C-alpha atoms as a PDB file:
ATOM      1  CA  MET A   1      30.455  23.347  16.860  1.00  0.00           C
ATOM      2  CA  PHE A   2      31.693  26.515  18.541  1.00  0.00           C
ATOM      3  CA  GLY A   3      35.355  27.472  18.544  1.00  0.00           C
ATOM      4  CA  TRP A   4      37.289  28.692  21.551  1.00  0.00           C
ATOM      5  CA  GLN A   5      36.839  32.360  20.669  1.00  0.00           C
ATOM      6  CA  ASP A   6      33.059  31.863  20.774  1.00  0.00           C
ATOM      7  CA  VAL A   7      33.376  30.665  24.372  1.00  0.00           C
ATOM      8  CA  LEU A   8      35.431  33.717  25.375  1.00  0.00           C
ATOM      9  CA  ASP A   9      33.074  36.081  23.589  1.00  0.00           C
ATOM     10  CA  PHE A  10      30.082  34.548  25.333  1.00  0.00           C
ATOM     11  CA  TRP A  11      31.677  34.786  28.769  1.00  0.00           C
ATOM     12  CA  PHE A  12      33.475  38.129  28.577  1.00  0.00           C
ATOM     13  CA  GLY A  13      32.067  40.087  25.646  1.00  0.00           C
ATOM     14  CA  ASP A  14      34.268  43.021  24.667  1.00  0.00           C
ATOM     15  CA  LEU A  15      36.649  44.564  27.193  1.00  0.00           C
ATOM     16  CA  ASP A  16      36.602  48.337  27.589  1.00  0.00           C
ATOM     17  CA  GLY A  17      39.626  50.624  27.693  1.00  0.00           C
ATOM     18  CA  ASP A  18      40.315  49.595  31.302  1.00  0.00           C
ATOM     19  CA  GLY A  19      40.195  45.910  30.426  1.00  0.00           C
ATOM     20  CA  ILE A  20      36.781  45.377  32.044  1.00  0.00           C
ATOM     21  CA  PRO A  21      33.824  43.483  30.518  1.00  0.00           C
ATOM     22  CA  ASP A  22      30.496  45.289  30.411  1.00  0.00           C
ATOM     23  CA  ALA A  23      28.012  44.980  33.265  1.00  0.00           C
ATOM     24  CA  PHE A  24      25.790  42.587  31.318  1.00  0.00           C
ATOM     25  CA  HIS A  25      28.521  39.950  31.200  1.00  0.00           C
ATOM     26  CA  ARG A  26      29.963  40.601  34.668  1.00  0.00           C
ATOM     27  CA  ASN A  27      26.596  40.347  36.355  1.00  0.00           C
ATOM     28  CA  ARG A  28      25.986  36.853  35.000  1.00  0.00           C
ATOM     29  CA  TRP A  29      29.143  35.259  36.327  1.00  0.00           C
ATOM     30  CA  PHE A  30      28.383  34.540  39.959  1.00  0.00           C
ATOM     31  CA  ARG A  31      24.619  34.800  40.229  1.00  0.00           C
ATOM     32  CA  SER A  32      22.376  31.763  40.370  1.00  0.00           C
ATOM     33  CA  SER A  33      20.085  32.235  37.379  1.00  0.00           C
ATOM     34  CA  ARG A  34      18.017  29.411  35.963  1.00  0.00           C
ATOM     35  CA  ALA A  35      17.688  31.237  32.644  1.00  0.00           C
ATOM     36  CA  PHE A  36      21.457  31.674  32.319  1.00  0.00           C
ATOM     37  CA  ASP A  37      22.083  28.058  33.322  1.00  0.00           C
ATOM     38  CA  GLN A  38      19.625  26.908  30.671  1.00  0.00           C
ATOM     39  CA  GLU A  39      21.229  29.121  28.047  1.00  0.00           C
ATOM     40  CA  ILE A  40      24.643  27.608  28.719  1.00  0.00           C
ATOM     41  CA  ARG A  41      23.176  24.098  28.667  1.00  0.00           C
ATOM     42  CA  ARG A  42      21.425  24.736  25.355  1.00  0.00           C
ATOM     43  CA  ARG A  43      24.416  26.310  23.643  1.00  0.00           C
ATOM     44  CA  PHE A  44      27.416  24.548  25.141  1.00  0.00           C
ATOM     45  CA  LEU A  45      26.452  21.180  26.632  1.00  0.00           C
ATOM     46  CA  SER A  46      27.874  19.169  23.733  1.00  0.00           C
ATOM     47  CA  LEU A  47      31.122  21.156  23.862  1.00  0.00           C
ATOM     48  CA  VAL A  48      31.404  20.626  27.613  1.00  0.00           C
ATOM     49  CA  VAL A  49      31.061  16.877  27.031  1.00  0.00           C
ATOM     50  CA  VAL A  50      33.825  16.954  24.424  1.00  0.00           C
ATOM     51  CA  ALA A  51      36.051  18.943  26.787  1.00  0.00           C
ATOM     52  CA  SER A  52      35.389  16.567  29.684  1.00  0.00           C
ATOM     53  CA  GLU A  53      36.485  13.663  27.462  1.00  0.00           C
ATOM     54  CA  ASN A  54      39.788  15.435  26.741  1.00  0.00           C
ATOM     55  CA  GLY A  55      38.719  16.167  23.186  1.00  0.00           C
ATOM     56  CA  LEU A  56      39.863  19.769  22.863  1.00  0.00           C
ATOM     57  CA  GLN A  57      43.603  19.271  22.999  1.00  0.00           C
ATOM     58  CA  ALA A  58      44.100  21.402  19.879  1.00  0.00           C
ATOM     59  CA  TRP A  59      42.781  24.419  21.778  1.00  0.00           C
ATOM     60  CA  ARG A  60      45.707  24.248  24.185  1.00  0.00           C
ATOM     61  CA  ALA A  61      48.125  25.613  21.595  1.00  0.00           C
ATOM     62  CA  SER A  62      46.983  29.152  22.455  1.00  0.00           C
ATOM     63  CA  ALA A  63      46.376  30.977  25.713  1.00  0.00           C
ATOM     64  CA  GLY A  64      42.840  31.846  24.676  1.00  0.00           C
ATOM     65  CA  GLY A  65      42.057  28.270  23.748  1.00  0.00           C
ATOM     66  CA  ARG A  66      43.414  26.992  27.045  1.00  0.00           C
ATOM     67  CA  LEU A  67      41.275  29.504  28.935  1.00  0.00           C
ATOM     68  CA  ALA A  68      38.153  28.581  26.925  1.00  0.00           C
ATOM     69  CA  GLU A  69      38.693  24.915  27.796  1.00  0.00           C
ATOM     70  CA  LEU A  70      39.035  25.829  31.465  1.00  0.00           C
ATOM     71  CA  LEU A  71      35.806  27.827  31.324  1.00  0.00           C
ATOM     72  CA  LEU A  72      33.952  24.842  29.886  1.00  0.00           C
ATOM     73  CA  LEU A  73      35.307  22.475  32.529  1.00  0.00           C
ATOM     74  CA  ASP A  74      35.304  24.735  35.562  1.00  0.00           C
ATOM     75  CA  GLN A  75      32.497  27.263  35.024  1.00  0.00           C
ATOM     76  CA  PHE A  76      30.029  25.893  32.485  1.00  0.00           C
ATOM     77  CA  THR A  77      29.832  22.536  34.268  1.00  0.00           C
ATOM     78  CA  ARG A  78      28.668  24.380  37.388  1.00  0.00           C
ATOM     79  CA  ASN A  79      25.947  26.169  35.447  1.00  0.00           C
ATOM     80  CA  ILE A  80      24.772  23.108  33.545  1.00  0.00           C
ATOM     81  CA  HIS A  81      24.752  20.757  36.533  1.00  0.00           C
ATOM     82  CA  ARG A  82      23.970  23.235  39.303  1.00  0.00           C
ATOM     83  CA  GLY A  83      23.014  21.483  42.520  1.00  0.00           C
ATOM     84  CA  GLY A  84      24.284  18.054  41.475  1.00  0.00           C
ATOM     85  CA  ALA A  85      27.475  16.036  41.758  1.00  0.00           C
ATOM     86  CA  LEU A  86      28.274  16.502  38.062  1.00  0.00           C
ATOM     87  CA  ALA A  87      28.880  20.186  38.768  1.00  0.00           C
ATOM     88  CA  PHE A  88      32.275  19.158  40.162  1.00  0.00           C
ATOM     89  CA  SER A  89      32.989  16.173  37.902  1.00  0.00           C
ATOM     90  CA  ALA A  90      35.428  17.974  35.596  1.00  0.00           C
ATOM     91  CA  ASP A  91      37.388  19.657  38.401  1.00  0.00           C
ATOM     92  CA  PRO A  92      40.348  17.231  38.349  1.00  0.00           C
ATOM     93  CA  LEU A  93      40.905  17.762  34.628  1.00  0.00           C
ATOM     94  CA  ALA A  94      40.446  21.529  34.938  1.00  0.00           C
ATOM     95  CA  ARG A  95      42.944  21.619  37.784  1.00  0.00           C
ATOM     96  CA  ARG A  96      45.501  19.629  35.789  1.00  0.00           C
ATOM     97  CA  LEU A  97      45.107  21.830  32.735  1.00  0.00           C
ATOM     98  CA  CYS A  98      45.419  24.954  34.875  1.00  0.00           C
ATOM     99  CA  HIS A  99      48.687  23.745  36.405  1.00  0.00           C
ATOM    100  CA  GLU A 100      50.038  22.793  32.979  1.00  0.00           C
ATOM    101  CA  GLY A 101      49.075  26.189  31.619  1.00  0.00           C
ATOM    102  CA  LEU A 102      50.795  27.957  34.477  1.00  0.00           C
ATOM    103  CA  LYS A 103      54.000  26.023  33.842  1.00  0.00           C
ATOM    104  CA  GLU A 104      53.821  27.075  30.198  1.00  0.00           C
ATOM    105  CA  GLY A 105      53.091  30.697  31.125  1.00  0.00           C
ATOM    106  CA  ARG A 106      49.825  30.693  29.176  1.00  0.00           C
ATOM    107  CA  ASP A 107      48.102  32.874  31.746  1.00  0.00           C
ATOM    108  CA  MET A 108      50.554  35.728  31.226  1.00  0.00           C
ATOM    109  CA  ALA A 109      49.396  36.217  27.628  1.00  0.00           C
ATOM    110  CA  LEU A 110      45.820  36.963  28.725  1.00  0.00           C
ATOM    111  CA  PRO A 111      44.119  40.179  29.881  1.00  0.00           C
ATOM    112  CA  ALA A 112      43.907  40.454  33.656  1.00  0.00           C
ATOM    113  CA  VAL A 113      40.199  39.633  33.997  1.00  0.00           C
ATOM    114  CA  GLN A 114      40.693  36.523  31.877  1.00  0.00           C
ATOM    115  CA  ARG A 115      43.645  35.489  34.000  1.00  0.00           C
ATOM    116  CA  ALA A 116      41.322  35.660  36.998  1.00  0.00           C
ATOM    117  CA  PHE A 117      39.244  32.869  35.475  1.00  0.00           C
ATOM    118  CA  PHE A 118      42.338  30.955  34.403  1.00  0.00           C
ATOM    119  CA  TYR A 119      43.140  30.552  38.115  1.00  0.00           C
ATOM    120  CA  MET A 120      39.615  29.585  39.153  1.00  0.00           C
ATOM    121  CA  PRO A 121      40.170  25.787  39.103  1.00  0.00           C
ATOM    122  CA  LEU A 122      42.682  26.281  41.916  1.00  0.00           C
ATOM    123  CA  GLN A 123      40.099  28.203  43.937  1.00  0.00           C
ATOM    124  CA  HIS A 124      37.628  25.360  43.457  1.00  0.00           C
ATOM    125  CA  SER A 125      40.135  22.721  44.553  1.00  0.00           C
ATOM    126  CA  GLU A 126      39.883  20.929  47.885  1.00  0.00           C
ATOM    127  CA  ARG A 127      43.670  20.755  48.102  1.00  0.00           C
ATOM    128  CA  LEU A 128      45.179  23.359  50.405  1.00  0.00           C
ATOM    129  CA  ALA A 129      48.292  23.772  48.230  1.00  0.00           C
ATOM    130  CA  ASP A 130      46.071  24.762  45.307  1.00  0.00           C
ATOM    131  CA  GLN A 131      44.195  27.208  47.499  1.00  0.00           C
ATOM    132  CA  GLU A 132      47.372  28.859  48.741  1.00  0.00           C
ATOM    133  CA  LEU A 133      48.635  29.146  45.164  1.00  0.00           C
ATOM    134  CA  ALA A 134      45.334  30.688  44.074  1.00  0.00           C
ATOM    135  CA  VAL A 135      45.521  33.362  46.775  1.00  0.00           C
ATOM    136  CA  ASP A 136      49.111  34.161  45.760  1.00  0.00           C
ATOM    137  CA  LEU A 137      48.231  34.412  42.073  1.00  0.00           C
ATOM    138  CA  TYR A 138      45.240  36.654  42.705  1.00  0.00           C
ATOM    139  CA  HIS A 139      47.331  38.841  44.997  1.00  0.00           C
ATOM    140  CA  GLN A 140      50.003  39.208  42.314  1.00  0.00           C
ATOM    141  CA  LEU A 141      47.307  40.057  39.782  1.00  0.00           C
ATOM    142  CA  LEU A 142      45.802  42.653  42.094  1.00  0.00           C
ATOM    143  CA  ALA A 143      49.153  44.216  42.926  1.00  0.00           C
ATOM    144  CA  SER A 144      50.032  44.757  39.264  1.00  0.00           C
ATOM    145  CA  HIS A 145      46.934  46.785  38.353  1.00  0.00           C
ATOM    146  CA  ASP A 146      45.223  49.939  39.488  1.00  0.00           C
ATOM    147  CA  GLY A 147      42.162  52.024  38.716  1.00  0.00           C
ATOM    148  CA  PRO A 148      38.748  50.485  38.008  1.00  0.00           C
ATOM    149  CA  LEU A 149      40.300  47.164  37.024  1.00  0.00           C
ATOM    150  CA  ARG A 150      41.949  46.832  40.433  1.00  0.00           C
ATOM    151  CA  ALA A 151      38.561  47.153  42.131  1.00  0.00           C
ATOM    152  CA  LEU A 152      37.234  44.272  40.029  1.00  0.00           C
ATOM    153  CA  LEU A 153      40.281  42.106  40.664  1.00  0.00           C
ATOM    154  CA  GLU A 154      40.070  42.734  44.392  1.00  0.00           C
ATOM    155  CA  GLY A 155      36.797  40.836  44.451  1.00  0.00           C
ATOM    156  CA  PHE A 156      38.515  37.767  43.012  1.00  0.00           C
ATOM    157  CA  TRP A 157      41.307  38.011  45.583  1.00  0.00           C
ATOM    158  CA  VAL A 158      38.876  38.326  48.497  1.00  0.00           C
ATOM    159  CA  SER A 159      36.887  35.345  47.224  1.00  0.00           C
ATOM    160  CA  ALA A 160      40.054  33.284  46.888  1.00  0.00           C
ATOM    161  CA  GLY A 161      40.874  34.009  50.529  1.00  0.00           C
ATOM    162  CA  GLU A 162      37.398  32.924  51.589  1.00  0.00           C
ATOM    163  CA  HIS A 163      37.723  29.644  49.706  1.00  0.00           C
ATOM    164  CA  ARG A 164      41.218  29.062  51.130  1.00  0.00           C
ATOM    165  CA  ASP A 165      40.030  29.658  54.690  1.00  0.00           C
ATOM    166  CA  ILE A 166      37.275  27.043  54.339  1.00  0.00           C
ATOM    167  CA  ILE A 167      39.762  24.444  53.113  1.00  0.00           C
ATOM    168  CA  ARG A 168      42.149  25.355  55.923  1.00  0.00           C
ATOM    169  CA  ARG A 169      39.369  24.806  58.436  1.00  0.00           C
ATOM    170  CA  PHE A 170      37.638  21.707  57.065  1.00  0.00           C
ATOM    171  CA  GLY A 171      39.955  20.207  54.454  1.00  0.00           C
ATOM    172  CA  ARG A 172      37.045  20.293  51.990  1.00  0.00           C
ATOM    173  CA  PHE A 173      33.984  22.344  51.048  1.00  0.00           C
ATOM    174  CA  PRO A 174      31.157  21.301  53.407  1.00  0.00           C
ATOM    175  CA  HIS A 175      28.470  22.526  51.024  1.00  0.00           C
ATOM    176  CA  ARG A 176      29.423  19.764  48.569  1.00  0.00           C
ATOM    177  CA  ASN A 177      28.886  16.955  51.071  1.00  0.00           C
ATOM    178  CA  ASP A 178      25.242  16.244  50.318  1.00  0.00           C
ATOM    179  CA  VAL A 179      25.513  15.962  46.539  1.00  0.00           C
ATOM    180  CA  LEU A 180      28.785  14.013  46.795  1.00  0.00           C
ATOM    181  CA  LYS A 181      27.194  11.704  49.395  1.00  0.00           C
ATOM    182  CA  ARG A 182      29.845  12.461  52.009  1.00  0.00           C
ATOM    183  CA  SER A 183      29.141  12.262  55.713  1.00  0.00           C
ATOM    184  CA  VAL A 184      28.879  15.595  57.503  1.00  0.00           C
ATOM    185  CA  THR A 185      30.841  16.289  60.664  1.00  0.00           C
ATOM    186  CA  PRO A 186      29.166  18.121  63.565  1.00  0.00           C
ATOM    187  CA  GLU A 187      31.408  21.127  62.950  1.00  0.00           C
ATOM    188  CA  GLU A 188      30.437  21.215  59.278  1.00  0.00           C
ATOM    189  CA  ALA A 189      26.753  20.891  60.127  1.00  0.00           C
ATOM    190  CA  GLU A 190      27.044  23.809  62.531  1.00  0.00           C
ATOM    191  CA  TYR A 191      28.886  25.877  59.931  1.00  0.00           C
ATOM    192  CA  LEU A 192      26.276  25.249  57.254  1.00  0.00           C
ATOM    193  CA  GLY A 193      23.434  25.753  59.702  1.00  0.00           C
ATOM    194  CA  GLN A 194      24.796  29.190  60.521  1.00  0.00           C
ATOM    195  CA  GLY A 195      24.768  30.205  56.867  1.00  0.00           C
ATOM    196  CA  GLY A 196      28.195  29.001  55.792  1.00  0.00           C
ATOM    197  CA  ALA A 197      29.167  29.790  52.208  1.00  0.00           C
ATOM    198  CA  ARG A 198      27.711  27.608  49.470  1.00  0.00           C
ATOM    199  CA  PHE A 199      28.933  29.605  46.452  1.00  0.00           C
ATOM    200  CA  GLY A 200      25.737  29.149  44.470  1.00  0.00           C
ATOM    201  CA  GLN A 201      25.681  25.378  44.781  1.00  0.00           C
END
C-alpha cells in the first residue's frame, strides 16, 4: 500500500524554486479528465476506502500525512466517483480532519500550495461558517506571498469566494441536488439553467 508521501508526490510532484508544482501536475487538478479519474481509481481506490473508514490515523502525526489524508478524502473521492453521490461521501470526515489540523497548526508546516489544498474541505462545505473561514485562510495565504506563487494562490482565493457566494445565496450547492436526490427550488433551477457553476461535477 502507498504511504502518505506517495500521495503528495502524485498530486504535487516536485516544487520549483518559487514553490510551484510543474505544469503537468497543476493542469490535472481541476480539469475533468476520464483518463486521470481512472488513474486515481486504479492506483488509490483501496487507500481512499481505508481513509474513509478512519484507518489512516497514524498519518495524522505529521503535517504531510494529514494533508495526504485530506487529499484522499476531499480530492480523490471526487475523481473516483465523479458525477455520483459518493463523490461527496467523505466530506464530513475531511471537514473534521481539516478543522482538527488547523487547531493543531498542521497547515503552517506545509508549503503554500499544499496549504491551499489543506483548506479545500472548507471550500467544499455547505456550511457558511466554513466558507467564510476558507475565504479568510486563502486571503491570508495570498497576502503573505508574492511573485509567481502569488498568482497561483490568487486563483484559489477567487475560487473560494465563488464557492462562498453560492452558499450565501442558496445555503447549499445546487449542482449537487440531482445526485443527492434533493428537490430543486425554482431559483436553483434558474441558476443552473443559466450555466451556474458545477465545479466539474
